[in-house]
C-alpha atoms as a PDB file:
ATOM      1  CA  MET A   1     121.705 122.618 118.662  1.00  0.00           C
ATOM      2  CA  ALA A   2     118.448 124.246 119.796  1.00  0.00           C
ATOM      3  CA  ALA A   3     115.926 122.166 121.758  1.00  0.00           C
ATOM      4  CA  VAL A   4     113.644 120.073 119.505  1.00  0.00           C
ATOM      5  CA  ASP A   5     110.043 119.301 120.293  1.00  0.00           C
ATOM      6  CA  PRO A   6     109.796 115.537 120.179  1.00  0.00           C
ATOM      7  CA  ALA A   7     106.174 115.455 118.914  1.00  0.00           C
ATOM      8  CA  ASP A   8     106.966 117.937 116.113  1.00  0.00           C
ATOM      9  CA  LEU A   9     110.113 115.948 115.205  1.00  0.00           C
ATOM     10  CA  LYS A  10     108.272 112.740 114.966  1.00  0.00           C
ATOM     11  CA  GLN A  11     105.693 114.456 112.662  1.00  0.00           C
ATOM     12  CA  ARG A  12     108.403 115.787 110.441  1.00  0.00           C
ATOM     13  CA  ILE A  13     110.173 112.393 110.235  1.00  0.00           C
ATOM     14  CA  VAL A  14     107.030 110.663 109.205  1.00  0.00           C
ATOM     15  CA  ALA A  15     106.242 113.328 106.642  1.00  0.00           C
ATOM     16  CA  LYS A  16     109.828 112.965 105.231  1.00  0.00           C
ATOM     17  CA  ALA A  17     109.344 109.155 105.083  1.00  0.00           C
ATOM     18  CA  LEU A  18     106.227 109.503 103.093  1.00  0.00           C
ATOM     19  CA  GLU A  19     107.889 112.115 100.882  1.00  0.00           C
ATOM     20  CA  GLU A  20     110.618 109.516 100.139  1.00  0.00           C
ATOM     21  CA  GLY A  21     107.996 107.126  98.879  1.00  0.00           C
ATOM     22  CA  PHE A  22     107.163 104.932 101.868  1.00  0.00           C
ATOM     23  CA  ILE A  23     103.422 104.338 102.313  1.00  0.00           C
ATOM     24  CA  ALA A  24     103.532 104.201 106.123  1.00  0.00           C
ATOM     25  CA  ALA A  25     105.925 105.021 108.975  1.00  0.00           C
ATOM     26  CA  ARG A  26     105.425 104.170 112.632  1.00  0.00           C
ATOM     27  CA  ILE A  27     107.641 104.142 115.800  1.00  0.00           C
ATOM     28  CA  CYS A  28     108.260 101.426 118.346  1.00  0.00           C
ATOM     29  CA  ARG A  29     110.747 100.772 121.119  1.00  0.00           C
ATOM     30  CA  PRO A  30     113.598  98.199 120.620  1.00  0.00           C
ATOM     31  CA  ASP A  31     112.179  96.149 123.450  1.00  0.00           C
ATOM     32  CA  ALA A  32     108.606  96.105 122.142  1.00  0.00           C
ATOM     33  CA  VAL A  33     108.628  92.469 120.972  1.00  0.00           C
ATOM     34  CA  PRO A  34     109.505  90.295 123.992  1.00  0.00           C
ATOM     35  CA  HIS A  35     107.297  87.430 122.568  1.00  0.00           C
ATOM     36  CA  VAL A  36     109.719  86.914 119.672  1.00  0.00           C
ATOM     37  CA  LYS A  37     112.256  85.029 121.789  1.00  0.00           C
ATOM     38  CA  GLU A  38     109.809  82.182 122.643  1.00  0.00           C
ATOM     39  CA  ARG A  39     108.338  82.124 119.083  1.00  0.00           C
ATOM     40  CA  LEU A  40     111.774  81.946 117.488  1.00  0.00           C
ATOM     41  CA  ALA A  41     112.869  79.122 119.945  1.00  0.00           C
ATOM     42  CA  THR A  42     109.772  77.089 119.079  1.00  0.00           C
ATOM     43  CA  PHE A  43     110.277  77.666 115.339  1.00  0.00           C
ATOM     44  CA  LEU A  44     113.809  76.440 115.513  1.00  0.00           C
ATOM     45  CA  ASP A  45     113.097  73.502 117.891  1.00  0.00           C
ATOM     46  CA  GLN A  46     110.491  72.286 115.392  1.00  0.00           C
ATOM     47  CA  GLY A  47     113.111  72.400 112.624  1.00  0.00           C
ATOM     48  CA  TYR A  48     110.745  74.588 110.584  1.00  0.00           C
ATOM     49  CA  HIS A  49     113.748  76.637 109.261  1.00  0.00           C
ATOM     50  CA  GLY A  50     115.040  73.755 107.243  1.00  0.00           C
ATOM     51  CA  GLN A  51     118.367  74.632 105.649  1.00  0.00           C
ATOM     52  CA  MET A  52     118.264  78.202 106.728  1.00  0.00           C
ATOM     53  CA  SER A  53     120.985  77.704 109.345  1.00  0.00           C
ATOM     54  CA  TRP A  54     121.527  81.424 109.543  1.00  0.00           C
ATOM     55  CA  MET A  55     118.234  81.703 111.389  1.00  0.00           C
ATOM     56  CA  ALA A  56     119.716  79.751 114.291  1.00  0.00           C
ATOM     57  CA  ASP A  57     122.754  82.047 114.378  1.00  0.00           C
ATOM     58  CA  ARG A  58     122.867  85.180 116.478  1.00  0.00           C
ATOM     59  CA  THR A  59     119.470  84.335 118.058  1.00  0.00           C
ATOM     60  CA  HIS A  60     120.281  86.717 120.898  1.00  0.00           C
ATOM     61  CA  TRP A  61     119.982  89.609 118.403  1.00  0.00           C
ATOM     62  CA  ARG A  62     117.156  88.083 116.300  1.00  0.00           C
ATOM     63  CA  ALA A  63     115.102  87.511 119.399  1.00  0.00           C
ATOM     64  CA  ASP A  64     115.892  90.964 121.028  1.00  0.00           C
ATOM     65  CA  PRO A  65     116.304  94.097 118.823  1.00  0.00           C
ATOM     66  CA  SER A  66     117.488  96.032 121.849  1.00  0.00           C
ATOM     67  CA  ALA A  67     120.587  93.742 122.029  1.00  0.00           C
ATOM     68  CA  LEU A  68     121.434  94.410 118.372  1.00  0.00           C
ATOM     69  CA  TRP A  69     122.286  97.994 119.098  1.00  0.00           C
ATOM     70  CA  PRO A  70     121.936  98.895 122.863  1.00  0.00           C
ATOM     71  CA  GLU A  71     122.225 102.613 122.163  1.00  0.00           C
ATOM     72  CA  ALA A  72     119.049 102.778 120.076  1.00  0.00           C
ATOM     73  CA  ARG A  73     116.099 104.422 121.790  1.00  0.00           C
ATOM     74  CA  SER A  74     113.476 104.071 119.114  1.00  0.00           C
ATOM     75  CA  ILE A  75     112.888 102.244 115.832  1.00  0.00           C
ATOM     76  CA  LEU A  76     111.222 103.796 112.885  1.00  0.00           C
ATOM     77  CA  MET A  77     109.343 101.052 110.886  1.00  0.00           C
ATOM     78  CA  LEU A  78     108.570 101.695 107.288  1.00  0.00           C
ATOM     79  CA  ALA A  79     106.479  99.943 104.599  1.00  0.00           C
ATOM     80  CA  GLU A  80     106.995 100.335 100.817  1.00  0.00           C
ATOM     81  CA  SER A  81     104.349  99.084  98.500  1.00  0.00           C
ATOM     82  CA  TYR A  82     105.069  96.645  95.683  1.00  0.00           C
ATOM     83  CA  THR A  83     101.391  95.858  94.798  1.00  0.00           C
ATOM     84  CA  PRO A  84     101.268  94.062  91.453  1.00  0.00           C
ATOM     85  CA  GLU A  85      99.415  95.555  88.505  1.00  0.00           C
ATOM     86  CA  HIS A  86      98.221  92.087  87.526  1.00  0.00           C
ATOM     87  CA  ASP A  87      96.795  88.968  89.068  1.00  0.00           C
ATOM     88  CA  PRO A  88      99.892  87.128  90.284  1.00  0.00           C
ATOM     89  CA  THR A  89      98.044  83.738  90.183  1.00  0.00           C
ATOM     90  CA  ALA A  90      96.971  83.855  86.547  1.00  0.00           C
ATOM     91  CA  ILE A  91     100.387  82.555  85.355  1.00  0.00           C
ATOM     92  CA  LEU A  92      99.616  79.251  87.234  1.00  0.00           C
ATOM     93  CA  ASP A  93      97.220  78.337  84.524  1.00  0.00           C
ATOM     94  CA  VAL A  94      99.801  78.772  81.732  1.00  0.00           C
ATOM     95  CA  PRO A  95     101.911  75.556  81.944  1.00  0.00           C
ATOM     96  CA  HIS A  96     104.577  76.475  79.342  1.00  0.00           C
ATOM     97  CA  LYS A  97     105.375  79.667  81.243  1.00  0.00           C
ATOM     98  CA  GLY A  98     107.247  80.107  84.576  1.00  0.00           C
ATOM     99  CA  GLY A  99     105.708  81.784  87.642  1.00  0.00           C
ATOM    100  CA  ILE A 100     108.139  84.277  89.409  1.00  0.00           C
ATOM    101  CA  SER A 101     107.104  85.937  92.674  1.00  0.00           C
ATOM    102  CA  VAL A 102     105.917  89.542  92.117  1.00  0.00           C
ATOM    103  CA  TYR A 103     108.760  91.063  94.234  1.00  0.00           C
ATOM    104  CA  ALA A 104     111.417  89.417  92.028  1.00  0.00           C
ATOM    105  CA  GLN A 105     110.110  90.453  88.549  1.00  0.00           C
ATOM    106  CA  ASN A 106     112.391  93.419  88.292  1.00  0.00           C
ATOM    107  CA  LYS A 107     115.108  95.119  90.469  1.00  0.00           C
ATOM    108  CA  ASP A 108     116.274  93.812  93.812  1.00  0.00           C
ATOM    109  CA  TYR A 109     114.129  95.523  96.559  1.00  0.00           C
ATOM    110  CA  HIS A 110     116.977  95.291  99.049  1.00  0.00           C
ATOM    111  CA  ASP A 111     118.969  97.873  96.985  1.00  0.00           C
ATOM    112  CA  LEU A 112     116.015 100.125  96.333  1.00  0.00           C
ATOM    113  CA  VAL A 113     114.596 100.200  99.899  1.00  0.00           C
ATOM    114  CA  LYS A 114     118.029 100.573 101.398  1.00  0.00           C
ATOM    115  CA  LYS A 115     118.800 103.614  99.297  1.00  0.00           C
ATOM    116  CA  ARG A 116     115.503 105.146 100.410  1.00  0.00           C
ATOM    117  CA  LEU A 117     116.248 104.371 104.074  1.00  0.00           C
ATOM    118  CA  LYS A 118     119.789 105.878 103.803  1.00  0.00           C
ATOM    119  CA  ARG A 119     118.422 109.084 102.405  1.00  0.00           C
ATOM    120  CA  LEU A 120     115.871 109.258 105.214  1.00  0.00           C
ATOM    121  CA  ALA A 121     118.457 108.364 107.778  1.00  0.00           C
ATOM    122  CA  ARG A 122     120.960 111.117 106.559  1.00  0.00           C
ATOM    123  CA  TRP A 123     118.154 113.654 106.769  1.00  0.00           C
ATOM    124  CA  MET A 124     117.461 112.570 110.336  1.00  0.00           C
ATOM    125  CA  VAL A 125     121.114 112.881 111.280  1.00  0.00           C
ATOM    126  CA  ALA A 126     121.416 116.254 109.651  1.00  0.00           C
ATOM    127  CA  GLU A 127     118.272 117.557 111.434  1.00  0.00           C
ATOM    128  CA  THR A 128     119.060 116.106 114.932  1.00  0.00           C
ATOM    129  CA  GLU A 129     122.659 114.990 115.070  1.00  0.00           C
ATOM    130  CA  CYS A 130     121.423 111.584 116.192  1.00  0.00           C
ATOM    131  CA  GLN A 131     122.935 108.231 115.420  1.00  0.00           C
ATOM    132  CA  VAL A 132     121.216 105.807 113.179  1.00  0.00           C
ATOM    133  CA  LYS A 133     121.468 102.343 111.704  1.00  0.00           C
ATOM    134  CA  VAL A 134     119.347 101.189 108.718  1.00  0.00           C
ATOM    135  CA  PHE A 135     118.156  97.531 108.034  1.00  0.00           C
ATOM    136  CA  VAL A 136     116.201  95.909 105.251  1.00  0.00           C
ATOM    137  CA  ASP A 137     115.890  92.109 105.580  1.00  0.00           C
ATOM    138  CA  THR A 138     119.668  91.452 105.633  1.00  0.00           C
ATOM    139  CA  ALA A 139     120.357  91.500 109.428  1.00  0.00           C
ATOM    140  CA  PRO A 140     118.891  89.588 112.365  1.00  0.00           C
ATOM    141  CA  VAL A 141     116.001  91.983 112.811  1.00  0.00           C
ATOM    142  CA  PRO A 142     112.465  90.681 113.367  1.00  0.00           C
ATOM    143  CA  GLU A 143     110.832  93.275 110.942  1.00  0.00           C
ATOM    144  CA  LYS A 144     107.355  91.765 110.865  1.00  0.00           C
ATOM    145  CA  ALA A 145     107.091  91.651 114.707  1.00  0.00           C
ATOM    146  CA  LEU A 146     108.465  95.170 115.037  1.00  0.00           C
ATOM    147  CA  GLY A 147     106.159  96.445 112.259  1.00  0.00           C
ATOM    148  CA  ALA A 148     103.150  95.095 114.171  1.00  0.00           C
ATOM    149  CA  ALA A 149     104.458  96.600 117.477  1.00  0.00           C
ATOM    150  CA  ALA A 150     104.835  99.927 115.761  1.00  0.00           C
ATOM    151  CA  GLY A 151     101.248  99.853 114.362  1.00  0.00           C
ATOM    152  CA  LEU A 152     101.992  99.325 110.692  1.00  0.00           C
ATOM    153  CA  GLY A 153      99.754  96.302 110.649  1.00  0.00           C
ATOM    154  CA  TRP A 154      99.531  92.833 112.301  1.00  0.00           C
ATOM    155  CA  GLN A 155     101.095  89.437 111.474  1.00  0.00           C
ATOM    156  CA  GLY A 156      98.402  87.536 109.698  1.00  0.00           C
ATOM    157  CA  LYS A 157      97.749  83.861 109.825  1.00  0.00           C
ATOM    158  CA  HIS A 158     100.229  83.521 106.867  1.00  0.00           C
ATOM    159  CA  THR A 159     102.821  85.168 109.202  1.00  0.00           C
ATOM    160  CA  ASN A 160     103.283  88.165 106.926  1.00  0.00           C
ATOM    161  CA  LEU A 161     102.339  91.701 107.896  1.00  0.00           C
ATOM    162  CA  VAL A 162      98.795  92.819 106.960  1.00  0.00           C
ATOM    163  CA  SER A 163      97.403  96.298 107.047  1.00  0.00           C
ATOM    164  CA  ARG A 164      93.771  97.513 106.823  1.00  0.00           C
ATOM    165  CA  ASP A 165      95.212 100.460 104.849  1.00  0.00           C
ATOM    166  CA  TRP A 166      97.400  98.799 102.227  1.00  0.00           C
ATOM    167  CA  GLY A 167      96.841  94.926 102.423  1.00  0.00           C
ATOM    168  CA  ASN A 168     100.053  92.833 102.494  1.00  0.00           C
ATOM    169  CA  TRP A 169     101.952  93.747  99.416  1.00  0.00           C
ATOM    170  CA  ALA A 170     104.767  95.728 101.174  1.00  0.00           C
ATOM    171  CA  PHE A 171     108.515  95.512 101.832  1.00  0.00           C
ATOM    172  CA  LEU A 172     109.586  96.487 105.465  1.00  0.00           C
ATOM    173  CA  GLY A 173     112.491  98.517 106.464  1.00  0.00           C
ATOM    174  CA  SER A 174     113.745  99.979 109.703  1.00  0.00           C
ATOM    175  CA  VAL A 175     115.804 102.970 111.033  1.00  0.00           C
ATOM    176  CA  PHE A 176     117.226 102.384 114.500  1.00  0.00           C
ATOM    177  CA  SER A 177     118.119 105.685 116.049  1.00  0.00           C
ATOM    178  CA  THR A 178     119.259 107.156 119.367  1.00  0.00           C
ATOM    179  CA  LEU A 179     116.288 109.665 119.218  1.00  0.00           C
ATOM    180  CA  ASP A 180     113.747 109.197 122.037  1.00  0.00           C
ATOM    181  CA  LEU A 181     110.471 109.305 119.908  1.00  0.00           C
ATOM    182  CA  ALA A 182     107.072 108.434 121.242  1.00  0.00           C
ATOM    183  CA  PRO A 183     106.014 104.866 120.258  1.00  0.00           C
ATOM    184  CA  ASP A 184     102.812 104.404 118.229  1.00  0.00           C
ATOM    185  CA  THR A 185      99.988 102.014 119.360  1.00  0.00           C
ATOM    186  CA  PRO A 186     100.401  98.432 118.191  1.00  0.00           C
ATOM    187  CA  GLU A 187      97.808  97.217 115.675  1.00  0.00           C
ATOM    188  CA  VAL A 188      95.392  94.461 116.709  1.00  0.00           C
ATOM    189  CA  ASP A 189      94.696  91.307 114.745  1.00  0.00           C
ATOM    190  CA  HIS A 190      91.942  91.686 112.123  1.00  0.00           C
ATOM    191  CA  CYS A 191      92.171  88.250 110.561  1.00  0.00           C
ATOM    192  CA  GLY A 192      89.007  87.029 112.321  1.00  0.00           C
ATOM    193  CA  SER A 193      87.824  83.564 111.088  1.00  0.00           C
ATOM    194  CA  CYS A 194      89.305  84.097 107.632  1.00  0.00           C
ATOM    195  CA  ARG A 195      91.432  81.100 106.488  1.00  0.00           C
ATOM    196  CA  ALA A 196      91.946  82.171 102.846  1.00  0.00           C
ATOM    197  CA  CYS A 197      95.734  82.296 103.022  1.00  0.00           C
ATOM    198  CA  LEU A 198      95.952  78.954 104.857  1.00  0.00           C
ATOM    199  CA  ASP A 199      93.584  77.034 102.596  1.00  0.00           C
ATOM    200  CA  VAL A 200      95.105  78.226  99.322  1.00  0.00           C
ATOM    201  CA  CYS A 201      98.617  76.895 100.125  1.00  0.00           C
ATOM    202  CA  PRO A 202      99.515  74.095  97.673  1.00  0.00           C
ATOM    203  CA  THR A 203     101.815  72.309 100.120  1.00  0.00           C
ATOM    204  CA  ASP A 204      99.971  72.749 103.442  1.00  0.00           C
ATOM    205  CA  ALA A 205     102.960  74.723 104.767  1.00  0.00           C
ATOM    206  CA  PHE A 206     100.950  76.098 107.698  1.00  0.00           C
ATOM    207  CA  PRO A 207     100.820  73.682 110.569  1.00  0.00           C
ATOM    208  CA  ALA A 208      98.414  75.995 112.403  1.00  0.00           C
ATOM    209  CA  PRO A 209      97.378  79.642 111.893  1.00  0.00           C
ATOM    210  CA  TYR A 210     100.300  82.092 112.488  1.00  0.00           C
ATOM    211  CA  GLN A 211     102.843  79.185 112.069  1.00  0.00           C
ATOM    212  CA  LEU A 212     104.911  78.387 108.936  1.00  0.00           C
ATOM    213  CA  ASP A 213     106.821  75.288 108.392  1.00  0.00           C
ATOM    214  CA  ALA A 214     109.359  76.590 105.793  1.00  0.00           C
ATOM    215  CA  ARG A 215     110.400  73.118 104.679  1.00  0.00           C
ATOM    216  CA  LYS A 216     107.094  72.883 102.884  1.00  0.00           C
ATOM    217  CA  CYS A 217     106.853  76.541 101.785  1.00  0.00           C
ATOM    218  CA  ILE A 218     107.266  76.938  97.959  1.00  0.00           C
ATOM    219  CA  SER A 219     109.189  80.215  98.455  1.00  0.00           C
ATOM    220  CA  TYR A 220     111.665  78.331 100.644  1.00  0.00           C
ATOM    221  CA  LEU A 221     111.944  75.246  98.304  1.00  0.00           C
ATOM    222  CA  THR A 222     112.522  77.358  95.218  1.00  0.00           C
ATOM    223  CA  ILE A 223     114.854  79.899  96.817  1.00  0.00           C
ATOM    224  CA  GLU A 224     116.532  78.670  99.987  1.00  0.00           C
ATOM    225  CA  HIS A 225     116.578  74.839  99.581  1.00  0.00           C
ATOM    226  CA  LYS A 226     119.835  73.482  98.090  1.00  0.00           C
ATOM    227  CA  GLY A 227     119.882  70.208  96.275  1.00  0.00           C
ATOM    228  CA  PRO A 228     116.980  68.040  95.158  1.00  0.00           C
ATOM    229  CA  VAL A 229     113.530  68.833  96.393  1.00  0.00           C
ATOM    230  CA  ASP A 230     111.695  65.837  97.931  1.00  0.00           C
ATOM    231  CA  GLU A 231     109.783  64.101  95.216  1.00  0.00           C
ATOM    232  CA  PRO A 232     106.307  64.342  96.848  1.00  0.00           C
ATOM    233  CA  LEU A 233     106.699  68.140  96.866  1.00  0.00           C
ATOM    234  CA  ARG A 234     107.791  68.557  93.338  1.00  0.00           C
ATOM    235  CA  ALA A 235     104.404  68.188  91.715  1.00  0.00           C
ATOM    236  CA  LYS A 236     103.033  70.721  94.076  1.00  0.00           C
ATOM    237  CA  LEU A 237     105.386  73.384  92.822  1.00  0.00           C
ATOM    238  CA  GLY A 238     103.433  73.491  89.696  1.00  0.00           C
ATOM    239  CA  ASN A 239     105.098  76.127  87.354  1.00  0.00           C
ATOM    240  CA  ARG A 240     106.434  78.296  90.256  1.00  0.00           C
ATOM    241  CA  ILE A 241     110.140  78.696  89.471  1.00  0.00           C
ATOM    242  CA  TYR A 242     111.014  81.416  91.959  1.00  0.00           C
ATOM    243  CA  GLY A 243     108.900  82.044  95.069  1.00  0.00           C
ATOM    244  CA  CYS A 244     105.091  81.829  95.574  1.00  0.00           C
ATOM    245  CA  ASP A 245     102.525  84.564  96.067  1.00  0.00           C
ATOM    246  CA  ASP A 246      99.452  82.363  96.778  1.00  0.00           C
ATOM    247  CA  CYS A 247      98.945  83.135 100.408  1.00  0.00           C
ATOM    248  CA  LEU A 248      99.662  86.941  99.845  1.00  0.00           C
ATOM    249  CA  ALA A 249      97.256  87.088  96.891  1.00  0.00           C
ATOM    250  CA  ALA A 250      94.571  85.271  98.820  1.00  0.00           C
ATOM    251  CA  CYS A 251      94.296  87.957 101.562  1.00  0.00           C
ATOM    252  CA  PRO A 252      90.933  89.815 101.354  1.00  0.00           C
ATOM    253  CA  TRP A 253      92.577  92.970 102.962  1.00  0.00           C
ATOM    254  CA  ASN A 254      94.249  93.541  99.542  1.00  0.00           C
ATOM    255  CA  LYS A 255      91.079  95.276  98.471  1.00  0.00           C
ATOM    256  CA  PHE A 256      92.765  98.285 100.155  1.00  0.00           C
ATOM    257  CA  ALA A 257      96.202  97.725  98.458  1.00  0.00           C
ATOM    258  CA  VAL A 258      98.142 100.823  97.624  1.00  0.00           C
ATOM    259  CA  ALA A 259      99.680 101.192  94.197  1.00  0.00           C
ATOM    260  CA  ALA A 260     103.514 100.936  94.169  1.00  0.00           C
ATOM    261  CA  HIS A 261     105.292 104.233  93.679  1.00  0.00           C
ATOM    262  CA  GLU A 262     108.546 102.632  92.470  1.00  0.00           C
ATOM    263  CA  GLN A 263     108.376 101.774  88.792  1.00  0.00           C
ATOM    264  CA  ARG A 264     111.392  99.478  89.176  1.00  0.00           C
ATOM    265  CA  TYR A 265     109.194  97.033  91.042  1.00  0.00           C
ATOM    266  CA  MET A 266     106.957  96.651  87.966  1.00  0.00           C
ATOM    267  CA  ALA A 267     107.372  93.450  86.118  1.00  0.00           C
ATOM    268  CA  ARG A 268     109.891  93.317  83.297  1.00  0.00           C
ATOM    269  CA  ASP A 269     108.415  92.037  80.087  1.00  0.00           C
ATOM    270  CA  ASP A 270     110.653  88.992  80.087  1.00  0.00           C
ATOM    271  CA  LEU A 271     109.965  88.096  83.613  1.00  0.00           C
ATOM    272  CA  ALA A 272     106.221  88.491  83.916  1.00  0.00           C
ATOM    273  CA  ALA A 273     105.567  85.226  81.993  1.00  0.00           C
ATOM    274  CA  PRO A 274     108.909  83.736  80.793  1.00  0.00           C
ATOM    275  CA  ASN A 275     109.058  80.606  78.621  1.00  0.00           C
ATOM    276  CA  LEU A 276     110.237  77.592  80.444  1.00  0.00           C
ATOM    277  CA  ALA A 277     112.111  76.157  77.437  1.00  0.00           C
ATOM    278  CA  SER A 278     114.360  79.239  77.050  1.00  0.00           C
ATOM    279  CA  LEU A 279     114.950  79.321  80.775  1.00  0.00           C
ATOM    280  CA  ALA A 280     116.158  75.731  80.839  1.00  0.00           C
ATOM    281  CA  ALA A 281     118.703  76.600  78.219  1.00  0.00           C
ATOM    282  CA  LEU A 282     120.562  79.105  80.413  1.00  0.00           C
ATOM    283  CA  ASP A 283     124.195  78.554  81.216  1.00  0.00           C
ATOM    284  CA  ASP A 284     125.986  80.315  84.012  1.00  0.00           C
ATOM    285  CA  PRO A 285     127.034  83.443  81.981  1.00  0.00           C
ATOM    286  CA  SER A 286     123.648  83.899  80.348  1.00  0.00           C
ATOM    287  CA  PHE A 287     121.919  83.354  83.759  1.00  0.00           C
ATOM    288  CA  ARG A 288     123.998  86.089  85.341  1.00  0.00           C
ATOM    289  CA  ALA A 289     123.453  88.536  82.481  1.00  0.00           C
ATOM    290  CA  LYS A 290     119.780  87.927  82.374  1.00  0.00           C
ATOM    291  CA  PHE A 291     119.332  88.433  86.143  1.00  0.00           C
ATOM    292  CA  SER A 292     121.856  91.178  86.838  1.00  0.00           C
ATOM    293  CA  GLY A 293     120.318  93.449  89.380  1.00  0.00           C
ATOM    294  CA  SER A 294     117.620  90.961  90.186  1.00  0.00           C
ATOM    295  CA  PRO A 295     117.141  89.063  93.584  1.00  0.00           C
ATOM    296  CA  ILE A 296     116.969  85.822  91.478  1.00  0.00           C
ATOM    297  CA  LYS A 297     120.684  86.165  90.726  1.00  0.00           C
ATOM    298  CA  ARG A 298     121.620  85.120  94.261  1.00  0.00           C
ATOM    299  CA  ILE A 299     120.283  81.606  93.987  1.00  0.00           C
ATOM    300  CA  GLY A 300     122.600  80.772  91.060  1.00  0.00           C
ATOM    301  CA  ARG A 301     121.981  79.216  87.753  1.00  0.00           C
ATOM    302  CA  ASP A 302     121.902  75.617  88.943  1.00  0.00           C
ATOM    303  CA  ARG A 303     119.120  76.042  91.584  1.00  0.00           C
ATOM    304  CA  PHE A 304     117.150  78.152  89.172  1.00  0.00           C
ATOM    305  CA  VAL A 305     117.346  75.695  86.259  1.00  0.00           C
ATOM    306  CA  ARG A 306     116.434  72.926  88.736  1.00  0.00           C
ATOM    307  CA  ASN A 307     113.262  74.821  89.466  1.00  0.00           C
ATOM    308  CA  VAL A 308     112.415  75.387  85.751  1.00  0.00           C
ATOM    309  CA  LEU A 309     112.926  71.627  85.111  1.00  0.00           C
ATOM    310  CA  TYR A 310     110.446  70.728  87.885  1.00  0.00           C
ATOM    311  CA  ALA A 311     107.986  73.097  86.190  1.00  0.00           C
ATOM    312  CA  ILE A 312     108.615  71.413  82.758  1.00  0.00           C
ATOM    313  CA  GLY A 313     107.928  68.025  84.396  1.00  0.00           C
ATOM    314  CA  ASN A 314     104.670  69.482  85.839  1.00  0.00           C
ATOM    315  CA  SER A 315     103.566  71.056  82.580  1.00  0.00           C
ATOM    316  CA  GLY A 316     102.217  67.860  80.850  1.00  0.00           C
ATOM    317  CA  LEU A 317     103.416  69.355  77.575  1.00  0.00           C
ATOM    318  CA  PRO A 318     105.396  66.925  75.322  1.00  0.00           C
ATOM    319  CA  ALA A 319     106.685  69.937  73.359  1.00  0.00           C
ATOM    320  CA  LEU A 320     108.912  70.752  76.363  1.00  0.00           C
ATOM    321  CA  ARG A 321     110.564  67.361  76.427  1.00  0.00           C
ATOM    322  CA  GLU A 322     113.443  68.523  74.291  1.00  0.00           C
ATOM    323  CA  ALA A 323     114.290  71.281  76.725  1.00  0.00           C
ATOM    324  CA  ALA A 324     114.497  68.809  79.532  1.00  0.00           C
ATOM    325  CA  GLN A 325     116.482  66.284  77.404  1.00  0.00           C
ATOM    326  CA  LYS A 326     119.208  68.860  76.891  1.00  0.00           C
ATOM    327  CA  CYS A 327     119.869  69.053  80.664  1.00  0.00           C
ATOM    328  CA  VAL A 328     120.231  65.280  81.284  1.00  0.00           C
ATOM    329  CA  GLU A 329     124.046  65.467  81.007  1.00  0.00           C
ATOM    330  CA  ASP A 330     124.392  68.724  82.978  1.00  0.00           C
ATOM    331  CA  PRO A 331     127.406  69.008  85.194  1.00  0.00           C
ATOM    332  CA  ASP A 332     125.333  69.776  88.146  1.00  0.00           C
ATOM    333  CA  PRO A 333     123.915  66.518  89.691  1.00  0.00           C
ATOM    334  CA  THR A 334     120.789  68.216  91.012  1.00  0.00           C
ATOM    335  CA  VAL A 335     120.099  69.754  87.570  1.00  0.00           C
ATOM    336  CA  LYS A 336     120.603  66.250  86.021  1.00  0.00           C
ATOM    337  CA  ASP A 337     118.252  64.751  88.560  1.00  0.00           C
ATOM    338  CA  ALA A 338     115.587  67.325  87.847  1.00  0.00           C
ATOM    339  CA  ALA A 339     116.004  66.750  84.131  1.00  0.00           C
ATOM    340  CA  ASN A 340     115.437  63.075  84.371  1.00  0.00           C
ATOM    341  CA  TRP A 341     112.468  63.482  86.703  1.00  0.00           C
ATOM    342  CA  ALA A 342     110.902  65.995  84.284  1.00  0.00           C
ATOM    343  CA  LEU A 343     111.324  63.499  81.465  1.00  0.00           C
ATOM    344  CA  GLU A 344     109.706  60.712  83.535  1.00  0.00           C
ATOM    345  CA  GLN A 345     106.752  63.010  84.294  1.00  0.00           C
ATOM    346  CA  LEU A 346     106.283  63.949  80.676  1.00  0.00           C
ATOM    347  CA  ASP A 347     106.391  60.359  79.598  1.00  0.00           C
ATOM    348  CA  ARG A 348     103.567  59.607  81.985  1.00  0.00           C
ATOM    349  CA  SER A 349     101.370  62.404  80.720  1.00  0.00           C
END
């Protein structure tokens, strides 16, 4: 193959990434995040990962991307917008409805982003005969730290990536390659004295700026946590039944948010503001049918209905008592516990 000008190749790769629908593409080296090792160790030592035991596995890869695939010479970091068309916090004032995180109101982003990454990677291979590996939130890759190192944005006080160009509503993906591409300049922190994301958190899940105790995070509690949620935290869940967008929605940099290109991220009519009573009645087959192709499917019916029952208990609406009553003999002990708790809360309201 004829010699390729690295600068021209990089420009063409970025252009191709934007053509595929990504809103930004930047380059970093695999060894660009040496600070991750210490931060990860502190996070794990504090027990902030809760039941996410997978975070303590393969830490030699998670802490050092260059160890994940030693042949990689550069990492292409990409951002894809999923900016909501509506105010994601408005649902919190509608107690008979359930709040589902914006990213989970339609198709699973893992599938959509990965297909886009694979198309881009195949093009890179065809153009250069390089070797590639693609990742999107399913491997021990520190995407947010790499995104900051590549200049996509910076890790804000809520620990998510923030950009002056597109706010913080974005999925991240990466293409590791054997190409030797010039790295971009890392972004600097532009949070300043702002505390909006920290102060809005209902459960005080941030021990300090740039630190997250997942054990208190509503996204963790409603998605990753198995079994009953500690009773003092249940009331703080409100009507959030899958994830939480409070800290993301509070970020003032979202005034520059970029509209999502992918229509399959737009909220399904039945998931934008679903009725809690109908969700509590889901059995396993109806749950699987309803959430086919959705990221919600992976937590299973029992954990999801547990969340719905906590929301019913927090609603203060006697009309939802019947929906909770129907679950008091559920085969799953956690669902049964949540149903009884919900009834107790409604009886007090």
